[in-house]
Amino acid sequence: MANKAPLAIVKERFGDKAKLVETVKQLASDEMWLPRTNSDQGGSRGLENVSNAKLLRLHDTLVAVKDKFGSRAKLVDEILTLDNRVKDTGLRSRLDAYPIPRLFDLWKSLDKRAKAQKAAAKADSAANS
């Protein structure tokens, strides 16, 4: 079975690209978004000129972060907790400059690593018993 094209997904889920862009803009509030698009910096190109596939990925990421963490600050806190570097202010300031998709990818990889370490420790303690 073939995958649907991004345009077909946009039409199915949102109706048209303008509604998807509006939804992404609503999700990209001050607590979730860094002003890094050209229109935010005085340029003429904004989210309207981003491809459908990128907009869909951005929408899915923003929704997942909003549901799971609520804000980018809580996501950064969770990343620091998983990495056991809660008191590292230098890392916190560097993470504060990262966009949401990069932070979410970092959290997913750290979470996966933590679960693998926990499973390995559990298996190791079961083998030693």
C-alpha atoms as a PDB file:
ATOM      1  CA  MET A   1       0.000   0.000   0.000  1.00  0.00           C
ATOM      2  CA  ALA A   2       1.431   3.379  -0.981  1.00  0.00           C
ATOM      3  CA  ASN A   3       1.776   6.236   1.460  1.00  0.00           C
ATOM      4  CA  LYS A   4      -0.363   9.295   0.960  1.00  0.00           C
ATOM      5  CA  ALA A   5       1.182  12.449  -0.410  1.00  0.00           C
ATOM      6  CA  PRO A   6       1.550  15.356   2.037  1.00  0.00           C
ATOM      7  CA  LEU A   7      -1.016  17.396   0.109  1.00  0.00           C
ATOM      8  CA  ALA A   8      -3.569  14.590   0.466  1.00  0.00           C
ATOM      9  CA  ILE A   9      -2.906  14.399   4.214  1.00  0.00           C
ATOM     10  CA  VAL A  10      -3.281  18.177   4.555  1.00  0.00           C
ATOM     11  CA  LYS A  11      -6.587  18.119   2.671  1.00  0.00           C
ATOM     12  CA  GLU A  12      -7.836  15.176   4.731  1.00  0.00           C
ATOM     13  CA  ARG A  13      -6.889  16.545   8.159  1.00  0.00           C
ATOM     14  CA  PHE A  14      -7.181  20.316   7.721  1.00  0.00           C
ATOM     15  CA  GLY A  15      -9.029  21.065   4.485  1.00  0.00           C
ATOM     16  CA  ASP A  16      -6.343  23.263   2.977  1.00  0.00           C
ATOM     17  CA  LYS A  17      -2.842  24.564   3.658  1.00  0.00           C
ATOM     18  CA  ALA A  18      -4.054  27.903   5.031  1.00  0.00           C
ATOM     19  CA  LYS A  19      -5.900  26.131   7.867  1.00  0.00           C
ATOM     20  CA  LEU A  20      -2.804  24.028   8.643  1.00  0.00           C
ATOM     21  CA  VAL A  21      -0.636  27.162   8.763  1.00  0.00           C
ATOM     22  CA  GLU A  22      -3.170  28.850  11.057  1.00  0.00           C
ATOM     23  CA  THR A  23      -3.220  25.809  13.357  1.00  0.00           C
ATOM     24  CA  VAL A  24       0.584  25.730  13.543  1.00  0.00           C
ATOM     25  CA  LYS A  25       0.649  29.462  14.298  1.00  0.00           C
ATOM     26  CA  GLN A  26      -1.834  28.950  17.141  1.00  0.00           C
ATOM     27  CA  LEU A  27       0.276  26.123  18.577  1.00  0.00           C
ATOM     28  CA  ALA A  28       3.425  28.213  18.238  1.00  0.00           C
ATOM     29  CA  SER A  29       2.692  30.399  21.241  1.00  0.00           C
ATOM     30  CA  ASP A  30       5.390  32.234  23.192  1.00  0.00           C
ATOM     31  CA  GLU A  31       5.802  29.325  25.617  1.00  0.00           C
ATOM     32  CA  MET A  32       6.409  26.866  22.766  1.00  0.00           C
ATOM     33  CA  TRP A  33       8.060  28.774  19.950  1.00  0.00           C
ATOM     34  CA  LEU A  34      11.251  30.707  19.280  1.00  0.00           C
ATOM     35  CA  PRO A  35      10.821  33.570  16.773  1.00  0.00           C
ATOM     36  CA  ARG A  36      13.029  32.099  14.068  1.00  0.00           C
ATOM     37  CA  THR A  37      11.064  32.356  10.817  1.00  0.00           C
ATOM     38  CA  ASN A  38      11.885  35.001   8.233  1.00  0.00           C
ATOM     39  CA  SER A  39       8.629  36.857   8.842  1.00  0.00           C
ATOM     40  CA  ASP A  40       9.441  37.023  12.568  1.00  0.00           C
ATOM     41  CA  GLN A  41      12.782  38.630  11.700  1.00  0.00           C
ATOM     42  CA  GLY A  42      11.438  41.149   9.217  1.00  0.00           C
ATOM     43  CA  GLY A  43      11.609  39.004   6.069  1.00  0.00           C
ATOM     44  CA  SER A  44       8.814  38.364   3.630  1.00  0.00           C
ATOM     45  CA  ARG A  45       8.676  34.555   3.816  1.00  0.00           C
ATOM     46  CA  GLY A  46       6.802  32.899   6.664  1.00  0.00           C
ATOM     47  CA  LEU A  47       5.158  29.580   7.404  1.00  0.00           C
ATOM     48  CA  GLU A  48       2.974  29.958   4.327  1.00  0.00           C
ATOM     49  CA  ASN A  49       5.997  29.133   2.155  1.00  0.00           C
ATOM     50  CA  VAL A  50       7.051  26.012   4.080  1.00  0.00           C
ATOM     51  CA  SER A  51       6.350  22.659   2.449  1.00  0.00           C
ATOM     52  CA  ASN A  52       3.323  20.622   3.455  1.00  0.00           C
ATOM     53  CA  ALA A  53       5.479  17.768   4.732  1.00  0.00           C
ATOM     54  CA  LYS A  54       7.468  20.072   7.020  1.00  0.00           C
ATOM     55  CA  LEU A  55       4.312  21.745   8.284  1.00  0.00           C
ATOM     56  CA  LEU A  56       2.749  18.368   9.076  1.00  0.00           C
ATOM     57  CA  ARG A  57       5.865  17.246  10.972  1.00  0.00           C
ATOM     58  CA  LEU A  58       5.972  20.545  12.852  1.00  0.00           C
ATOM     59  CA  HIS A  59       2.280  20.285  13.740  1.00  0.00           C
ATOM     60  CA  ASP A  60       2.655  16.705  14.986  1.00  0.00           C
ATOM     61  CA  THR A  61       5.724  17.632  17.045  1.00  0.00           C
ATOM     62  CA  LEU A  62       4.098  20.705  18.590  1.00  0.00           C
ATOM     63  CA  VAL A  63       0.973  18.729  19.488  1.00  0.00           C
ATOM     64  CA  ALA A  64       3.035  15.934  21.061  1.00  0.00           C
ATOM     65  CA  VAL A  65       5.134  18.355  23.114  1.00  0.00           C
ATOM     66  CA  LYS A  66       2.090  20.354  24.209  1.00  0.00           C
ATOM     67  CA  ASP A  67       0.251  17.189  25.296  1.00  0.00           C
ATOM     68  CA  LYS A  68       3.200  15.531  27.023  1.00  0.00           C
ATOM     69  CA  PHE A  69       4.997  18.503  28.589  1.00  0.00           C
ATOM     70  CA  GLY A  70       2.842  21.616  28.223  1.00  0.00           C
ATOM     71  CA  SER A  71       5.689  24.001  27.412  1.00  0.00           C
ATOM     72  CA  ARG A  72       9.233  24.048  26.083  1.00  0.00           C
ATOM     73  CA  ALA A  73      10.569  24.943  29.557  1.00  0.00           C
ATOM     74  CA  LYS A  74       9.167  21.705  30.977  1.00  0.00           C
ATOM     75  CA  LEU A  75      10.636  19.798  28.033  1.00  0.00           C
ATOM     76  CA  VAL A  76      14.071  21.306  28.741  1.00  0.00           C
ATOM     77  CA  ASP A  77      13.674  20.383  32.435  1.00  0.00           C
ATOM     78  CA  GLU A  78      12.839  16.788  31.494  1.00  0.00           C
ATOM     79  CA  ILE A  79      15.868  16.581  29.168  1.00  0.00           C
ATOM     80  CA  LEU A  80      18.151  17.817  31.938  1.00  0.00           C
ATOM     81  CA  THR A  81      16.618  15.344  34.391  1.00  0.00           C
ATOM     82  CA  LEU A  82      17.094  12.397  32.024  1.00  0.00           C
ATOM     83  CA  ASP A  83      20.692  13.454  31.387  1.00  0.00           C
ATOM     84  CA  ASN A  84      21.330  13.908  35.154  1.00  0.00           C
ATOM     85  CA  ARG A  85      22.443  17.507  34.591  1.00  0.00           C
ATOM     86  CA  VAL A  86      19.718  19.497  36.326  1.00  0.00           C
ATOM     87  CA  LYS A  87      22.189  21.975  37.869  1.00  0.00           C
ATOM     88  CA  ASP A  88      24.110  22.593  34.615  1.00  0.00           C
ATOM     89  CA  THR A  89      23.131  26.179  33.767  1.00  0.00           C
ATOM     90  CA  GLY A  90      25.361  26.280  30.690  1.00  0.00           C
ATOM     91  CA  LEU A  91      23.579  23.315  29.132  1.00  0.00           C
ATOM     92  CA  ARG A  92      20.199  24.788  30.093  1.00  0.00           C
ATOM     93  CA  SER A  93      20.988  28.066  28.329  1.00  0.00           C
ATOM     94  CA  ARG A  94      22.170  26.171  25.242  1.00  0.00           C
ATOM     95  CA  LEU A  95      19.030  24.016  25.203  1.00  0.00           C
ATOM     96  CA  ASP A  96      16.859  27.125  25.568  1.00  0.00           C
ATOM     97  CA  ALA A  97      18.132  28.243  22.152  1.00  0.00           C
ATOM     98  CA  TYR A  98      17.165  24.967  20.435  1.00  0.00           C
ATOM     99  CA  PRO A  99      13.927  24.765  18.435  1.00  0.00           C
ATOM    100  CA  ILE A 100      11.151  22.455  19.632  1.00  0.00           C
ATOM    101  CA  PRO A 101      11.721  19.687  17.044  1.00  0.00           C
ATOM    102  CA  ARG A 102      15.375  19.396  18.022  1.00  0.00           C
ATOM    103  CA  LEU A 103      14.526  19.346  21.726  1.00  0.00           C
ATOM    104  CA  PHE A 104      11.854  16.703  21.184  1.00  0.00           C
ATOM    105  CA  ASP A 105      14.266  14.490  19.219  1.00  0.00           C
ATOM    106  CA  LEU A 106      16.850  14.884  21.984  1.00  0.00           C
ATOM    107  CA  TRP A 107      14.279  13.938  24.620  1.00  0.00           C
ATOM    108  CA  LYS A 108      13.202  10.854  22.634  1.00  0.00           C
ATOM    109  CA  SER A 109      16.788   9.617  22.331  1.00  0.00           C
ATOM    110  CA  LEU A 110      17.536  10.239  26.029  1.00  0.00           C
ATOM    111  CA  ASP A 111      14.296   8.539  27.058  1.00  0.00           C
ATOM    112  CA  LYS A 112      15.090   5.533  24.888  1.00  0.00           C
ATOM    113  CA  ARG A 113      18.597   5.314  26.366  1.00  0.00           C
ATOM    114  CA  ALA A 114      17.259   5.558  29.936  1.00  0.00           C
ATOM    115  CA  LYS A 115      14.742   2.775  29.299  1.00  0.00           C
ATOM    116  CA  ALA A 116      17.458   0.573  27.782  1.00  0.00           C
ATOM    117  CA  GLN A 117      19.740   1.164  30.771  1.00  0.00           C
ATOM    118  CA  LYS A 118      16.902   0.369  33.161  1.00  0.00           C
ATOM    119  CA  ALA A 119      16.118  -2.861  31.288  1.00  0.00           C
ATOM    120  CA  ALA A 120      19.794  -3.855  31.231  1.00  0.00           C
ATOM    121  CA  ALA A 121      20.114  -3.209  34.961  1.00  0.00           C
ATOM    122  CA  LYS A 122      16.984  -5.247  35.628  1.00  0.00           C
ATOM    123  CA  ALA A 123      18.286  -8.121  33.492  1.00  0.00           C
ATOM    124  CA  ASP A 124      21.676  -7.927  35.201  1.00  0.00           C
ATOM    125  CA  SER A 125      20.141  -8.041  38.690  1.00  0.00           C
ATOM    126  CA  ALA A 126      17.941 -10.990  37.639  1.00  0.00           C
ATOM    127  CA  ALA A 127      20.976 -12.847  36.291  1.00  0.00           C
ATOM    128  CA  ASN A 128      22.934 -12.280  39.526  1.00  0.00           C
ATOM    129  CA  SER A 129      20.068 -13.548  41.699  1.00  0.00           C
END
